[in-house]
Amino acid sequence: MKVLSQSEIKQKLSALKGWALAPEGIQKSFKLKDFRTAITFVGQVADLAEEAFHHPDILIQYDRVTFTLTTHDAGGITQKDFSLAADIEAIAPGGN
């Protein structure tokens, strides 16, 4: 899969509310109702990731979950990252 250029990344980020470019990839933190809701959300994202065979880095901090997406085998950010980010947005509780 082709690594996206900086301009392609910026353009695609503009379509995803709250996602930003970080040194490790594209990233977003979600503030959830409580720990249980955060863990349930992570489980749902894990199911999406398995289906896509594309696994995010996940940081869980009580009621906050941060996802970082990059395509490791391509060596950068690809369309695969933006597709998974859109899928995560579609299932995010509370319209994050």
PDB file of N, CA and C in Angstrom:
ATOM      1  N   MET A   1       0.848  -1.182   0.000  1.00  0.00           N
ATOM      2  CA  MET A   1       0.000   0.000   0.000  1.00  0.00           C
ATOM      3  C   MET A   1       0.889   1.238   0.000  1.00  0.00           C
ATOM      4  N   LYS A   2       0.483   2.261  -0.738  1.00  0.00           N
ATOM      5  CA  LYS A   2       1.244   3.493  -0.923  1.00  0.00           C
ATOM      6  C   LYS A   2       1.168   4.391   0.316  1.00  0.00           C
ATOM      7  N   VAL A   3       2.342   4.877   0.753  1.00  0.00           N
ATOM      8  CA  VAL A   3       2.398   5.852   1.843  1.00  0.00           C
ATOM      9  C   VAL A   3       1.910   7.194   1.290  1.00  0.00           C
ATOM     10  N   LEU A   4       1.041   7.858   2.048  1.00  0.00           N
ATOM     11  CA  LEU A   4       0.468   9.130   1.603  1.00  0.00           C
ATOM     12  C   LEU A   4       1.444  10.280   1.828  1.00  0.00           C
ATOM     13  N   SER A   5       1.345  11.286   0.966  1.00  0.00           N
ATOM     14  CA  SER A   5       2.163  12.496   1.118  1.00  0.00           C
ATOM     15  C   SER A   5       1.598  13.355   2.248  1.00  0.00           C
ATOM     16  N   GLN A   6       2.382  14.302   2.721  1.00  0.00           N
ATOM     17  CA  GLN A   6       1.926  15.209   3.776  1.00  0.00           C
ATOM     18  C   GLN A   6       0.661  15.960   3.353  1.00  0.00           C
ATOM     19  N   SER A   7       0.598  16.392   2.107  1.00  0.00           N
ATOM     20  CA  SER A   7      -0.599  17.117   1.652  1.00  0.00           C
ATOM     21  C   SER A   7      -1.820  16.192   1.595  1.00  0.00           C
ATOM     22  N   GLU A   8      -1.630  14.950   1.188  1.00  0.00           N
ATOM     23  CA  GLU A   8      -2.739  13.987   1.181  1.00  0.00           C
ATOM     24  C   GLU A   8      -3.220  13.714   2.608  1.00  0.00           C
ATOM     25  N   ILE A   9      -2.277  13.596   3.530  1.00  0.00           N
ATOM     26  CA  ILE A   9      -2.631  13.348   4.937  1.00  0.00           C
ATOM     27  C   ILE A   9      -3.427  14.519   5.491  1.00  0.00           C
ATOM     28  N   LYS A  10      -2.959  15.739   5.257  1.00  0.00           N
ATOM     29  CA  LYS A  10      -3.665  16.932   5.758  1.00  0.00           C
ATOM     30  C   LYS A  10      -5.074  17.012   5.184  1.00  0.00           C
ATOM     31  N   GLN A  11      -5.222  16.721   3.911  1.00  0.00           N
ATOM     32  CA  GLN A  11      -6.535  16.776   3.272  1.00  0.00           C
ATOM     33  C   GLN A  11      -7.472  15.744   3.886  1.00  0.00           C
ATOM     34  N   LYS A  12      -6.981  14.530   4.086  1.00  0.00           N
ATOM     35  CA  LYS A  12      -7.806  13.468   4.652  1.00  0.00           C
ATOM     36  C   LYS A  12      -8.128  13.724   6.126  1.00  0.00           C
ATOM     37  N   LEU A  13      -7.199  14.318   6.863  1.00  0.00           N
ATOM     38  CA  LEU A  13      -7.454  14.652   8.266  1.00  0.00           C
ATOM     39  C   LEU A  13      -8.577  15.672   8.404  1.00  0.00           C
ATOM     40  N   SER A  14      -8.693  16.558   7.444  1.00  0.00           N
ATOM     41  CA  SER A  14      -9.731  17.591   7.516  1.00  0.00           C
ATOM     42  C   SER A  14     -11.135  16.988   7.488  1.00  0.00           C
ATOM     43  N   ALA A  15     -11.247  15.775   7.001  1.00  0.00           N
ATOM     44  CA  ALA A  15     -12.547  15.099   6.934  1.00  0.00           C
ATOM     45  C   ALA A  15     -12.847  14.276   8.198  1.00  0.00           C
ATOM     46  N   LEU A  16     -11.888  14.187   9.109  1.00  0.00           N
ATOM     47  CA  LEU A  16     -12.056  13.392  10.330  1.00  0.00           C
ATOM     48  C   LEU A  16     -11.991  14.303  11.552  1.00  0.00           C
ATOM     49  N   LYS A  17     -13.108  14.503  12.198  1.00  0.00           N
ATOM     50  CA  LYS A  17     -13.189  15.397  13.360  1.00  0.00           C
ATOM     51  C   LYS A  17     -12.313  14.893  14.508  1.00  0.00           C
ATOM     52  N   GLY A  18     -11.389  15.755  14.940  1.00  0.00           N
ATOM     53  CA  GLY A  18     -10.593  15.457  16.122  1.00  0.00           C
ATOM     54  C   GLY A  18      -9.333  14.633  15.891  1.00  0.00           C
ATOM     55  N   TRP A  19      -9.152  14.104  14.711  1.00  0.00           N
ATOM     56  CA  TRP A  19      -7.938  13.348  14.415  1.00  0.00           C
ATOM     57  C   TRP A  19      -6.831  14.316  14.039  1.00  0.00           C
ATOM     58  N   ALA A  20      -5.607  14.003  14.454  1.00  0.00           N
ATOM     59  CA  ALA A  20      -4.470  14.886  14.186  1.00  0.00           C
ATOM     60  C   ALA A  20      -3.253  14.049  13.820  1.00  0.00           C
ATOM     61  N   LEU A  21      -2.302  14.713  13.199  1.00  0.00           N
ATOM     62  CA  LEU A  21      -1.046  14.064  12.859  1.00  0.00           C
ATOM     63  C   LEU A  21      -0.131  14.117  14.073  1.00  0.00           C
ATOM     64  N   ALA A  22       0.370  12.977  14.482  1.00  0.00           N
ATOM     65  CA  ALA A  22       1.324  12.854  15.581  1.00  0.00           C
ATOM     66  C   ALA A  22       2.601  12.237  14.994  1.00  0.00           C
ATOM     67  N   PRO A  23       3.695  12.299  15.725  1.00  0.00           N
ATOM     68  CA  PRO A  23       4.931  11.697  15.192  1.00  0.00           C
ATOM     69  C   PRO A  23       4.792  10.211  14.841  1.00  0.00           C
ATOM     70  N   GLU A  24       3.901   9.509  15.553  1.00  0.00           N
ATOM     71  CA  GLU A  24       3.753   8.067  15.342  1.00  0.00           C
ATOM     72  C   GLU A  24       2.716   7.711  14.288  1.00  0.00           C
ATOM     73  N   GLY A  25       1.866   8.645  13.874  1.00  0.00           N
ATOM     74  CA  GLY A  25       0.802   8.358  12.918  1.00  0.00           C
ATOM     75  C   GLY A  25      -0.342   9.333  13.100  1.00  0.00           C
ATOM     76  N   ILE A  26      -1.540   8.950  12.705  1.00  0.00           N
ATOM     77  CA  ILE A  26      -2.699   9.788  12.985  1.00  0.00           C
ATOM     78  C   ILE A  26      -3.288   9.329  14.309  1.00  0.00           C
ATOM     79  N   GLN A  27      -3.824  10.285  15.062  1.00  0.00           N
ATOM     80  CA  GLN A  27      -4.181   9.990  16.443  1.00  0.00           C
ATOM     81  C   GLN A  27      -5.412  10.755  16.888  1.00  0.00           C
ATOM     82  N   LYS A  28      -6.172  10.103  17.769  1.00  0.00           N
ATOM     83  CA  LYS A  28      -7.301  10.768  18.408  1.00  0.00           C
ATOM     84  C   LYS A  28      -7.541  10.149  19.776  1.00  0.00           C
ATOM     85  N   SER A  29      -7.888  11.007  20.739  1.00  0.00           N
ATOM     86  CA  SER A  29      -8.288  10.564  22.070  1.00  0.00           C
ATOM     87  C   SER A  29      -9.791  10.714  22.207  1.00  0.00           C
ATOM     88  N   PHE A  30     -10.412   9.721  22.807  1.00  0.00           N
ATOM     89  CA  PHE A  30     -11.839   9.717  23.055  1.00  0.00           C
ATOM     90  C   PHE A  30     -12.063   9.729  24.558  1.00  0.00           C
ATOM     91  N   LYS A  31     -12.906  10.638  25.033  1.00  0.00           N
ATOM     92  CA  LYS A  31     -13.289  10.701  26.448  1.00  0.00           C
ATOM     93  C   LYS A  31     -14.613   9.968  26.570  1.00  0.00           C
ATOM     94  N   LEU A  32     -14.622   8.903  27.360  1.00  0.00           N
ATOM     95  CA  LEU A  32     -15.809   8.081  27.519  1.00  0.00           C
ATOM     96  C   LEU A  32     -16.447   8.314  28.882  1.00  0.00           C
ATOM     97  N   LYS A  33     -17.616   7.737  29.086  1.00  0.00           N
ATOM     98  CA  LYS A  33     -18.392   7.917  30.311  1.00  0.00           C
ATOM     99  C   LYS A  33     -17.652   7.385  31.542  1.00  0.00           C
ATOM    100  N   ASP A  34     -17.041   6.215  31.403  1.00  0.00           N
ATOM    101  CA  ASP A  34     -16.351   5.592  32.525  1.00  0.00           C
ATOM    102  C   ASP A  34     -15.423   4.498  31.990  1.00  0.00           C
ATOM    103  N   PHE A  35     -14.739   3.831  32.899  1.00  0.00           N
ATOM    104  CA  PHE A  35     -13.774   2.801  32.516  1.00  0.00           C
ATOM    105  C   PHE A  35     -14.442   1.668  31.743  1.00  0.00           C
ATOM    106  N   ARG A  36     -15.571   1.190  32.214  1.00  0.00           N
ATOM    107  CA  ARG A  36     -16.266   0.086  31.553  1.00  0.00           C
ATOM    108  C   ARG A  36     -16.623   0.447  30.107  1.00  0.00           C
ATOM    109  N   THR A  37     -17.110   1.656  29.889  1.00  0.00           N
ATOM    110  CA  THR A  37     -17.449   2.113  28.537  1.00  0.00           C
ATOM    111  C   THR A  37     -16.198   2.181  27.664  1.00  0.00           C
ATOM    112  N   ALA A  38     -15.101   2.639  28.250  1.00  0.00           N
ATOM    113  CA  ALA A  38     -13.836   2.712  27.513  1.00  0.00           C
ATOM    114  C   ALA A  38     -13.386   1.319  27.071  1.00  0.00           C
ATOM    115  N   ILE A  39     -13.468   0.360  27.972  1.00  0.00           N
ATOM    116  CA  ILE A  39     -13.037  -1.000  27.650  1.00  0.00           C
ATOM    117  C   ILE A  39     -13.958  -1.636  26.606  1.00  0.00           C
ATOM    118  N   THR A  40     -15.239  -1.401  26.712  1.00  0.00           N
ATOM    119  CA  THR A  40     -16.183  -1.911  25.710  1.00  0.00           C
ATOM    120  C   THR A  40     -15.866  -1.337  24.335  1.00  0.00           C
ATOM    121  N   PHE A  41     -15.603  -0.042  24.284  1.00  0.00           N
ATOM    122  CA  PHE A  41     -15.249   0.628  23.027  1.00  0.00           C
ATOM    123  C   PHE A  41     -13.972   0.023  22.445  1.00  0.00           C
ATOM    124  N   VAL A  42     -12.962  -0.195  23.273  1.00  0.00           N
ATOM    125  CA  VAL A  42     -11.712  -0.800  22.802  1.00  0.00           C
ATOM    126  C   VAL A  42     -11.990  -2.189  22.226  1.00  0.00           C
ATOM    127  N   GLY A  43     -12.858  -2.953  22.869  1.00  0.00           N
ATOM    128  CA  GLY A  43     -13.215  -4.269  22.342  1.00  0.00           C
ATOM    129  C   GLY A  43     -13.874  -4.195  20.976  1.00  0.00           C
ATOM    130  N   GLN A  44     -14.737  -3.210  20.803  1.00  0.00           N
ATOM    131  CA  GLN A  44     -15.396  -3.026  19.500  1.00  0.00           C
ATOM    132  C   GLN A  44     -14.382  -2.637  18.425  1.00  0.00           C
ATOM    133  N   VAL A  45     -13.446  -1.764  18.788  1.00  0.00           N
ATOM    134  CA  VAL A  45     -12.396  -1.369  17.839  1.00  0.00           C
ATOM    135  C   VAL A  45     -11.497  -2.566  17.523  1.00  0.00           C
ATOM    136  N   ALA A  46     -11.228  -3.394  18.515  1.00  0.00           N
ATOM    137  CA  ALA A  46     -10.422  -4.597  18.280  1.00  0.00           C
ATOM    138  C   ALA A  46     -11.085  -5.495  17.237  1.00  0.00           C
ATOM    139  N   ASP A  47     -12.408  -5.624  17.312  1.00  0.00           N
ATOM    140  CA  ASP A  47     -13.124  -6.415  16.310  1.00  0.00           C
ATOM    141  C   ASP A  47     -12.963  -5.817  14.916  1.00  0.00           C
ATOM    142  N   LEU A  48     -13.094  -4.494  14.809  1.00  0.00           N
ATOM    143  CA  LEU A  48     -12.896  -3.819  13.510  1.00  0.00           C
ATOM    144  C   LEU A  48     -11.477  -4.041  12.993  1.00  0.00           C
ATOM    145  N   ALA A  49     -10.517  -3.901  13.901  1.00  0.00           N
ATOM    146  CA  ALA A  49      -9.112  -4.039  13.520  1.00  0.00           C
ATOM    147  C   ALA A  49      -8.808  -5.449  13.022  1.00  0.00           C
ATOM    148  N   GLU A  50      -9.369  -6.440  13.692  1.00  0.00           N
ATOM    149  CA  GLU A  50      -9.165  -7.819  13.250  1.00  0.00           C
ATOM    150  C   GLU A  50      -9.751  -8.047  11.862  1.00  0.00           C
ATOM    151  N   GLU A  51     -10.959  -7.513  11.636  1.00  0.00           N
ATOM    152  CA  GLU A  51     -11.592  -7.648  10.313  1.00  0.00           C
ATOM    153  C   GLU A  51     -10.748  -7.008   9.223  1.00  0.00           C
ATOM    154  N   ALA A  52     -10.156  -5.856   9.539  1.00  0.00           N
ATOM    155  CA  ALA A  52      -9.352  -5.117   8.560  1.00  0.00           C
ATOM    156  C   ALA A  52      -7.905  -5.599   8.512  1.00  0.00           C
ATOM    157  N   PHE A  53      -7.536  -6.472   9.440  1.00  0.00           N
ATOM    158  CA  PHE A  53      -6.158  -6.889   9.627  1.00  0.00           C
ATOM    159  C   PHE A  53      -5.241  -5.665   9.676  1.00  0.00           C
ATOM    160  N   HIS A  54      -5.663  -4.719  10.515  1.00  0.00           N
ATOM    161  CA  HIS A  54      -4.925  -3.463  10.684  1.00  0.00           C
ATOM    162  C   HIS A  54      -5.106  -3.035  12.132  1.00  0.00           C
ATOM    163  N   HIS A  55      -4.033  -3.085  12.899  1.00  0.00           N
ATOM    164  CA  HIS A  55      -4.139  -2.965  14.346  1.00  0.00           C
ATOM    165  C   HIS A  55      -3.558  -1.652  14.861  1.00  0.00           C
ATOM    166  N   PRO A  56      -4.382  -0.858  15.555  1.00  0.00           N
ATOM    167  CA  PRO A  56      -3.906   0.422  16.089  1.00  0.00           C
ATOM    168  C   PRO A  56      -3.107   0.231  17.375  1.00  0.00           C
ATOM    169  N   ASP A  57      -2.316   1.238  17.695  1.00  0.00           N
ATOM    170  CA  ASP A  57      -1.746   1.333  19.030  1.00  0.00           C
ATOM    171  C   ASP A  57      -2.843   1.949  19.891  1.00  0.00           C
ATOM    172  N   ILE A  58      -3.044   1.394  21.080  1.00  0.00           N
ATOM    173  CA  ILE A  58      -4.142   1.827  21.945  1.00  0.00           C
ATOM    174  C   ILE A  58      -3.590   2.146  23.331  1.00  0.00           C
ATOM    175  N   LEU A  59      -3.930   3.336  23.817  1.00  0.00           N
ATOM    176  CA  LEU A  59      -3.584   3.746  25.173  1.00  0.00           C
ATOM    177  C   LEU A  59      -4.887   3.954  25.935  1.00  0.00           C
ATOM    178  N   ILE A  60      -5.046   3.219  27.040  1.00  0.00           N
ATOM    179  CA  ILE A  60      -6.247   3.334  27.866  1.00  0.00           C
ATOM    180  C   ILE A  60      -5.854   4.021  29.166  1.00  0.00           C
ATOM    181  N   GLN A  61      -6.535   5.126  29.459  1.00  0.00           N
ATOM    182  CA  GLN A  61      -6.304   5.875  30.697  1.00  0.00           C
ATOM    183  C   GLN A  61      -7.654   6.108  31.365  1.00  0.00           C
ATOM    184  N   TYR A  62      -8.088   5.141  32.136  1.00  0.00           N
ATOM    185  CA  TYR A  62      -9.371   5.131  32.828  1.00  0.00           C
ATOM    186  C   TYR A  62     -10.530   5.360  31.866  1.00  0.00           C
ATOM    187  N   ASP A  63     -10.973   6.620  31.672  1.00  0.00           N
ATOM    188  CA  ASP A  63     -12.114   6.896  30.805  1.00  0.00           C
ATOM    189  C   ASP A  63     -11.697   7.569  29.494  1.00  0.00           C
ATOM    190  N   ARG A  64     -10.418   7.539  29.186  1.00  0.00           N
ATOM    191  CA  ARG A  64      -9.893   8.134  27.956  1.00  0.00           C
ATOM    192  C   ARG A  64      -9.135   7.056  27.185  1.00  0.00           C
ATOM    193  N   VAL A  65      -9.436   6.963  25.893  1.00  0.00           N
ATOM    194  CA  VAL A  65      -8.763   5.999  25.020  1.00  0.00           C
ATOM    195  C   VAL A  65      -8.160   6.761  23.855  1.00  0.00           C
ATOM    196  N   THR A  66      -6.872   6.511  23.596  1.00  0.00           N
ATOM    197  CA  THR A  66      -6.185   7.148  22.477  1.00  0.00           C
ATOM    198  C   THR A  66      -5.787   6.069  21.478  1.00  0.00           C
ATOM    199  N   PHE A  67      -6.174   6.303  20.224  1.00  0.00           N
ATOM    200  CA  PHE A  67      -5.798   5.405  19.132  1.00  0.00           C
ATOM    201  C   PHE A  67      -4.767   6.110  18.263  1.00  0.00           C
ATOM    202  N   THR A  68      -3.717   5.389  17.918  1.00  0.00           N
ATOM    203  CA  THR A  68      -2.709   5.884  16.986  1.00  0.00           C
ATOM    204  C   THR A  68      -2.634   4.894  15.840  1.00  0.00           C
ATOM    205  N   LEU A  69      -2.785   5.411  14.633  1.00  0.00           N
ATOM    206  CA  LEU A  69      -2.836   4.561  13.438  1.00  0.00           C
ATOM    207  C   LEU A  69      -1.686   4.882  12.503  1.00  0.00           C
ATOM    208  N   THR A  70      -0.989   3.866  12.090  1.00  0.00           N
ATOM    209  CA  THR A  70       0.016   3.946  11.044  1.00  0.00           C
ATOM    210  C   THR A  70       0.113   2.555  10.422  1.00  0.00           C
ATOM    211  N   THR A  71       0.537   2.494   9.188  1.00  0.00           N
ATOM    212  CA  THR A  71       0.667   1.205   8.515  1.00  0.00           C
ATOM    213  C   THR A  71       2.127   0.787   8.615  1.00  0.00           C
ATOM    214  N   HIS A  72       2.423  -0.007   9.633  1.00  0.00           N
ATOM    215  CA  HIS A  72       3.806  -0.369   9.944  1.00  0.00           C
ATOM    216  C   HIS A  72       4.512  -1.033   8.767  1.00  0.00           C
ATOM    217  N   ASP A  73       3.846  -1.954   8.090  1.00  0.00           N
ATOM    218  CA  ASP A  73       4.519  -2.667   6.998  1.00  0.00           C
ATOM    219  C   ASP A  73       4.756  -1.796   5.770  1.00  0.00           C
ATOM    220  N   ALA A  74       4.061  -0.644   5.684  1.00  0.00           N
ATOM    221  CA  ALA A  74       4.299   0.294   4.578  1.00  0.00           C
ATOM    222  C   ALA A  74       5.293   1.381   4.986  1.00  0.00           C
ATOM    223  N   GLY A  75       5.523   1.504   6.283  1.00  0.00           N
ATOM    224  CA  GLY A  75       6.482   2.510   6.760  1.00  0.00           C
ATOM    225  C   GLY A  75       5.911   3.912   6.856  1.00  0.00           C
ATOM    226  N   GLY A  76       4.606   4.038   7.028  1.00  0.00           N
ATOM    227  CA  GLY A  76       4.004   5.366   7.137  1.00  0.00           C
ATOM    228  C   GLY A  76       2.492   5.297   7.131  1.00  0.00           C
ATOM    229  N   ILE A  77       1.882   6.431   6.888  1.00  0.00           N
ATOM    230  CA  ILE A  77       0.426   6.549   6.904  1.00  0.00           C
ATOM    231  C   ILE A  77      -0.121   6.263   5.513  1.00  0.00           C
ATOM    232  N   THR A  78      -1.128   5.388   5.470  1.00  0.00           N
ATOM    233  CA  THR A  78      -1.742   4.996   4.199  1.00  0.00           C
ATOM    234  C   THR A  78      -3.259   5.171   4.286  1.00  0.00           C
ATOM    235  N   GLN A  79      -3.926   4.882   3.197  1.00  0.00           N
ATOM    236  CA  GLN A  79      -5.387   4.926   3.176  1.00  0.00           C
ATOM    237  C   GLN A  79      -5.984   3.969   4.193  1.00  0.00           C
ATOM    238  N   LYS A  80      -5.286   2.891   4.472  1.00  0.00           N
ATOM    239  CA  LYS A  80      -5.750   1.902   5.446  1.00  0.00           C
ATOM    240  C   LYS A  80      -5.982   2.561   6.816  1.00  0.00           C
ATOM    241  N   ASP A  81      -5.116   3.505   7.185  1.00  0.00           N
ATOM    242  CA  ASP A  81      -5.253   4.200   8.467  1.00  0.00           C
ATOM    243  C   ASP A  81      -6.499   5.073   8.482  1.00  0.00           C
ATOM    244  N   PHE A  82      -6.753   5.754   7.401  1.00  0.00           N
ATOM    245  CA  PHE A  82      -7.927   6.618   7.332  1.00  0.00           C
ATOM    246  C   PHE A  82      -9.222   5.806   7.275  1.00  0.00           C
ATOM    247  N   SER A  83      -9.168   4.653   6.639  1.00  0.00           N
ATOM    248  CA  SER A  83     -10.350   3.784   6.611  1.00  0.00           C
ATOM    249  C   SER A  83     -10.692   3.288   8.011  1.00  0.00           C
ATOM    250  N   LEU A  84      -9.672   2.858   8.773  1.00  0.00           N
ATOM    251  CA  LEU A  84      -9.931   2.390  10.132  1.00  0.00           C
ATOM    252  C   LEU A  84     -10.373   3.547  11.023  1.00  0.00           C
ATOM    253  N   ALA A  85      -9.783   4.727  10.850  1.00  0.00           N
ATOM    254  CA  ALA A  85     -10.203   5.893  11.632  1.00  0.00           C
ATOM    255  C   ALA A  85     -11.682   6.193  11.389  1.00  0.00           C
ATOM    256  N   ALA A  86     -12.121   6.133  10.143  1.00  0.00           N
ATOM    257  CA  ALA A  86     -13.535   6.373   9.824  1.00  0.00           C
ATOM    258  C   ALA A  86     -14.422   5.304  10.454  1.00  0.00           C
ATOM    259  N   ASP A  87     -13.959   4.058  10.450  1.00  0.00           N
ATOM    260  CA  ASP A  87     -14.726   2.976  11.090  1.00  0.00           C
ATOM    261  C   ASP A  87     -14.820   3.204  12.602  1.00  0.00           C
ATOM    262  N   ILE A  88     -13.737   3.648  13.218  1.00  0.00           N
ATOM    263  CA  ILE A  88     -13.740   3.950  14.654  1.00  0.00           C
ATOM    264  C   ILE A  88     -14.746   5.068  14.944  1.00  0.00           C
ATOM    265  N   GLU A  89     -14.721   6.107  14.134  1.00  0.00           N
ATOM    266  CA  GLU A  89     -15.664   7.225  14.301  1.00  0.00           C
ATOM    267  C   GLU A  89     -17.117   6.744  14.232  1.00  0.00           C
ATOM    268  N   ALA A  90     -17.374   5.805  13.333  1.00  0.00           N
ATOM    269  CA  ALA A  90     -18.741   5.309  13.127  1.00  0.00           C
ATOM    270  C   ALA A  90     -19.308   4.597  14.350  1.00  0.00           C
ATOM    271  N   ILE A  91     -18.439   4.023  15.183  1.00  0.00           N
ATOM    272  CA  ILE A  91     -18.924   3.289  16.350  1.00  0.00           C
ATOM    273  C   ILE A  91     -18.652   4.010  17.672  1.00  0.00           C
ATOM    274  N   ALA A  92     -18.019   5.167  17.619  1.00  0.00           N
ATOM    275  CA  ALA A  92     -17.645   5.889  18.856  1.00  0.00           C
ATOM    276  C   ALA A  92     -18.884   6.282  19.648  1.00  0.00           C
ATOM    277  N   PRO A  93     -18.883   5.983  20.949  1.00  0.00           N
ATOM    278  CA  PRO A  93     -20.014   6.378  21.781  1.00  0.00           C
ATOM    279  C   PRO A  93     -20.084   7.901  21.928  1.00  0.00           C
ATOM    280  N   GLY A  94     -21.272   8.413  21.937  1.00  0.00           N
ATOM    281  CA  GLY A  94     -21.472   9.831  22.235  1.00  0.00           C
ATOM    282  C   GLY A  94     -21.017  10.819  21.187  1.00  0.00           C
ATOM    283  N   GLY A  95     -20.783  10.378  19.970  1.00  0.00           N
ATOM    284  CA  GLY A  95     -20.435  11.306  18.900  1.00  0.00           C
ATOM    285  C   GLY A  95     -19.159  12.063  19.122  1.00  0.00           C
ATOM    286  N   ASN A  96     -18.129  11.381  19.606  1.00  0.00           N
ATOM    287  CA  ASN A  96     -16.834  12.008  19.820  1.00  0.00           C
ATOM    288  C   ASN A  96     -16.365  12.570  18.526  1.00  0.00           C
TER     289      ASN A  96
END
